[in-house]
N, C-alpha and C. Protein backbone atom coordinates (compact mmCIF):
# COMPACT_ATOMS: atom_id res chain seq x y z
N MET A 1 158.26 -1.20 -29.73
CA MET A 1 157.84 -0.41 -29.09
C MET A 1 156.84 0.74 -29.17
N SER A 2 156.13 0.91 -28.09
CA SER A 2 154.77 1.65 -28.38
C SER A 2 155.74 3.49 -28.30
N ALA A 3 154.72 4.17 -28.72
CA ALA A 3 154.93 5.55 -28.57
C ALA A 3 154.67 5.97 -27.46
N LYS A 4 155.53 7.13 -26.47
CA LYS A 4 154.96 7.61 -25.61
C LYS A 4 153.68 8.60 -26.04
N PRO A 5 152.57 8.73 -25.24
CA PRO A 5 151.27 9.73 -25.70
C PRO A 5 152.11 11.56 -25.57
N PRO A 6 151.66 12.10 -26.22
CA PRO A 6 152.28 13.60 -26.25
C PRO A 6 152.32 14.12 -24.94
N GLN A 7 153.04 15.06 -24.39
CA GLN A 7 153.35 15.63 -23.64
C GLN A 7 152.66 17.37 -23.62
N VAL A 8 151.69 17.64 -22.64
CA VAL A 8 150.81 18.54 -22.67
C VAL A 8 151.19 19.55 -21.46
N GLU A 9 151.25 20.49 -21.57
CA GLU A 9 151.43 21.77 -20.64
C GLU A 9 150.32 22.69 -20.14
N ILE A 10 150.20 22.22 -18.97
CA ILE A 10 149.00 22.97 -18.52
C ILE A 10 149.70 24.04 -17.21
N HIS A 11 148.14 25.13 -17.76
CA HIS A 11 148.58 26.30 -17.10
C HIS A 11 147.50 26.13 -16.07
N TRP A 12 147.54 26.27 -15.05
CA TRP A 12 146.82 25.89 -14.23
C TRP A 12 146.24 27.74 -13.14
N PRO A 13 145.46 27.73 -12.59
CA PRO A 13 145.11 29.07 -11.53
C PRO A 13 146.12 29.47 -10.92
N ASN A 14 146.67 30.94 -10.60
CA ASN A 14 147.71 31.50 -9.76
C ASN A 14 148.87 30.81 -10.38
N GLY A 15 148.98 31.16 -11.53
CA GLY A 15 150.37 30.49 -12.41
C GLY A 15 150.91 29.41 -11.84
N ARG A 16 150.28 28.53 -11.77
CA ARG A 16 151.19 27.16 -11.56
C ARG A 16 151.39 26.37 -12.91
N ARG A 17 151.95 25.84 -12.89
CA ARG A 17 152.34 24.97 -14.29
C ARG A 17 152.83 23.57 -14.30
N SER A 18 152.46 22.53 -14.96
CA SER A 18 152.97 21.36 -14.83
C SER A 18 152.64 20.53 -16.15
N VAL A 19 153.41 19.31 -16.62
CA VAL A 19 153.39 18.84 -17.42
C VAL A 19 152.89 17.23 -17.25
N CYS A 20 151.56 16.74 -18.17
CA CYS A 20 151.55 15.87 -18.11
C CYS A 20 151.02 15.02 -19.56
N CYS A 21 150.43 13.83 -19.60
CA CYS A 21 150.53 13.10 -20.94
C CYS A 21 149.11 13.19 -21.38
N LYS A 22 148.96 13.22 -22.54
CA LYS A 22 147.51 13.23 -23.04
C LYS A 22 146.63 12.01 -22.54
N GLY A 23 145.23 12.33 -22.09
CA GLY A 23 144.77 10.99 -21.97
C GLY A 23 144.82 10.86 -20.31
N GLU A 24 145.59 11.47 -19.64
CA GLU A 24 145.83 11.42 -18.27
C GLU A 24 144.19 12.06 -17.52
N ASP A 25 143.61 11.19 -16.38
CA ASP A 25 142.94 11.76 -16.20
C ASP A 25 142.93 13.33 -15.24
N TRP A 26 142.17 14.06 -15.71
CA TRP A 26 142.06 15.68 -14.98
C TRP A 26 142.40 15.64 -13.41
N LEU A 27 141.93 14.58 -12.84
CA LEU A 27 141.74 14.95 -11.60
C LEU A 27 143.51 14.43 -11.01
N GLN A 28 144.04 13.47 -11.68
CA GLN A 28 144.87 12.89 -11.39
C GLN A 28 146.21 14.01 -11.67
N ALA A 29 145.90 14.80 -12.48
CA ALA A 29 146.97 15.78 -13.11
C ALA A 29 146.95 16.85 -12.39
N ALA A 30 145.52 17.47 -11.92
CA ALA A 30 145.85 18.33 -10.73
C ALA A 30 146.49 17.77 -9.57
N GLN A 31 146.32 16.79 -8.99
CA GLN A 31 146.82 16.39 -7.76
C GLN A 31 148.34 16.46 -7.88
N GLN A 32 148.77 16.09 -9.26
CA GLN A 32 150.23 15.74 -9.23
C GLN A 32 150.73 17.50 -9.15
N ALA A 33 149.34 18.32 -9.73
CA ALA A 33 150.33 19.90 -9.69
C ALA A 33 150.15 20.53 -8.47
N GLY A 34 149.49 19.60 -7.46
CA GLY A 34 149.20 20.56 -6.12
C GLY A 34 147.83 21.18 -6.38
N MET A 35 147.25 20.80 -7.25
CA MET A 35 145.57 21.57 -7.14
C MET A 35 144.67 20.60 -6.49
N HIS A 36 143.73 21.50 -6.38
CA HIS A 36 142.45 20.40 -5.98
C HIS A 36 141.19 21.03 -6.73
N ILE A 37 140.40 20.16 -6.99
CA ILE A 37 139.36 20.04 -7.77
C ILE A 37 138.39 19.64 -7.06
N PRO A 38 137.13 20.40 -6.67
CA PRO A 38 136.41 19.68 -5.75
C PRO A 38 135.40 18.19 -6.49
N THR A 39 135.12 17.35 -5.65
CA THR A 39 134.49 16.32 -6.59
C THR A 39 133.10 16.22 -5.73
N GLY A 40 132.23 15.70 -6.36
CA GLY A 40 130.85 15.40 -5.50
C GLY A 40 130.62 13.69 -5.78
N CYS A 41 130.01 13.77 -7.14
CA CYS A 41 129.34 12.14 -7.48
C CYS A 41 130.53 11.39 -8.02
N LEU A 42 131.77 11.77 -8.50
CA LEU A 42 132.53 11.20 -9.39
C LEU A 42 132.04 10.17 -10.21
N GLY A 43 130.64 10.97 -11.12
CA GLY A 43 130.26 9.74 -12.03
C GLY A 43 129.83 11.05 -13.42
N GLY A 44 130.32 12.30 -13.13
CA GLY A 44 129.59 13.32 -14.06
C GLY A 44 128.42 13.77 -13.87
N SER A 45 127.53 13.45 -12.93
CA SER A 45 126.04 14.09 -13.03
C SER A 45 126.01 15.29 -12.03
N CYS A 46 127.11 15.37 -10.99
CA CYS A 46 126.64 16.46 -9.99
C CYS A 46 127.06 18.10 -10.35
N GLY A 47 128.16 18.14 -11.33
CA GLY A 47 128.49 19.43 -11.89
C GLY A 47 129.54 19.77 -10.48
N ALA A 48 129.92 19.46 -9.68
CA ALA A 48 130.82 19.84 -8.65
C ALA A 48 132.21 20.10 -9.00
N CYS A 49 133.05 19.18 -10.25
CA CYS A 49 134.12 19.20 -10.71
C CYS A 49 134.46 19.58 -11.78
N GLU A 50 133.28 20.64 -12.26
CA GLU A 50 133.67 21.25 -13.58
C GLU A 50 134.89 22.18 -13.49
N ILE A 51 135.65 22.30 -14.52
CA ILE A 51 136.67 23.23 -14.99
C ILE A 51 136.50 23.43 -16.35
N GLU A 52 137.07 24.66 -16.47
CA GLU A 52 137.11 25.44 -17.96
C GLU A 52 138.46 25.11 -18.03
N VAL A 53 138.60 24.41 -20.06
CA VAL A 53 140.27 24.24 -20.22
C VAL A 53 139.81 24.86 -21.77
N ASN A 54 140.49 26.09 -21.63
CA ASN A 54 140.97 26.69 -23.02
C ASN A 54 139.60 27.11 -23.51
N GLY A 55 138.47 27.48 -22.22
CA GLY A 55 137.41 28.36 -22.44
C GLY A 55 136.17 26.93 -22.78
N THR A 56 136.70 25.86 -22.43
CA THR A 56 135.51 24.79 -22.72
C THR A 56 135.31 24.08 -21.53
N VAL A 57 133.70 24.31 -21.16
CA VAL A 57 133.95 23.38 -19.98
C VAL A 57 133.69 21.92 -19.62
N VAL A 58 134.34 21.34 -19.01
CA VAL A 58 134.74 19.95 -18.93
C VAL A 58 134.15 19.36 -17.74
N ARG A 59 133.75 18.24 -17.14
CA ARG A 59 133.71 17.76 -16.08
C ARG A 59 134.87 16.75 -15.69
N SER A 60 135.55 17.10 -14.68
CA SER A 60 136.97 16.49 -14.42
C SER A 60 137.20 15.08 -14.24
N CYS A 61 136.03 14.63 -13.49
CA CYS A 61 135.68 13.32 -12.90
C CYS A 61 135.65 12.31 -14.11
N ILE A 62 135.55 12.81 -15.30
CA ILE A 62 134.99 11.91 -16.48
C ILE A 62 135.82 12.25 -17.67
N SER A 63 136.60 13.24 -17.32
CA SER A 63 137.43 13.72 -18.72
C SER A 63 138.66 13.30 -18.69
N THR A 64 139.56 13.32 -19.60
CA THR A 64 140.89 13.07 -19.93
C THR A 64 141.57 14.76 -20.44
N VAL A 65 143.12 14.77 -20.23
CA VAL A 65 143.63 15.45 -21.08
C VAL A 65 143.66 15.52 -22.36
N PRO A 66 142.98 16.40 -22.91
CA PRO A 66 143.32 16.67 -24.56
C PRO A 66 144.92 16.89 -25.15
N ALA A 67 144.60 16.43 -26.37
CA ALA A 67 146.09 16.57 -26.85
C ALA A 67 145.71 18.08 -28.06
N PRO A 68 145.65 19.48 -27.27
CA PRO A 68 145.90 20.40 -28.32
C PRO A 68 146.95 21.03 -29.18
N ALA A 69 146.64 21.43 -30.35
CA ALA A 69 147.37 21.78 -31.24
C ALA A 69 148.42 22.69 -30.87
N SER A 70 148.40 23.32 -29.70
CA SER A 70 149.49 24.39 -29.36
C SER A 70 150.48 23.66 -28.31
N GLY A 71 149.75 22.24 -27.45
CA GLY A 71 150.75 21.74 -26.55
C GLY A 71 150.60 22.12 -25.43
N GLN A 72 149.50 23.30 -25.00
CA GLN A 72 149.34 23.87 -24.03
C GLN A 72 147.87 23.97 -23.59
N LEU A 73 147.44 24.31 -22.26
CA LEU A 73 146.18 24.33 -22.06
C LEU A 73 146.09 25.16 -20.74
N ARG A 74 145.21 25.97 -20.72
CA ARG A 74 144.85 26.90 -19.84
C ARG A 74 143.61 26.23 -18.85
N VAL A 75 143.65 26.48 -17.71
CA VAL A 75 142.95 26.12 -16.80
C VAL A 75 142.28 26.75 -15.78
N GLU A 76 140.99 27.34 -15.96
CA GLU A 76 140.51 27.87 -14.38
C GLU A 76 139.24 27.27 -13.99
N LEU A 77 139.35 27.31 -12.69
CA LEU A 77 138.57 26.08 -11.84
C LEU A 77 137.16 26.98 -11.47
N ALA A 78 136.14 26.65 -11.40
CA ALA A 78 134.90 26.87 -11.01
C ALA A 78 134.54 27.18 -9.89
N THR A 79 133.79 28.09 -9.22
CA THR A 79 133.70 28.82 -8.25
C THR A 79 132.31 28.67 -7.76
N ASP A 80 131.97 27.69 -6.82
CA ASP A 80 130.72 27.27 -6.77
C ASP A 80 130.56 27.17 -5.09
N PRO A 81 129.84 28.17 -4.32
CA PRO A 81 130.03 28.44 -2.64
C PRO A 81 129.23 27.08 -2.16
N TYR A 82 128.76 26.21 -2.70
CA TYR A 82 128.20 25.28 -2.38
C TYR A 82 129.21 23.82 -2.34
N TRP A 83 130.47 23.91 -2.62
CA TRP A 83 131.15 22.63 -3.09
C TRP A 83 131.96 23.06 -2.19
């Protein structure tokens, strides 16, 4: 029997919270939380999907949810007037 990936609590902008598994795609985690992350190329080159996770900028179309030591992540969405 395989162990389940660790659960991660995500604190989204505007006070939203959700729980997902370590390794889940960021875009899928956002969708399940009712959040929209803009995307452009879906290959990591345009930067439209950049989010800040605990102070580190990641491209959500090519990144997965990590397992933080605290079990929680704080996400901020980038604001770009062109996306």
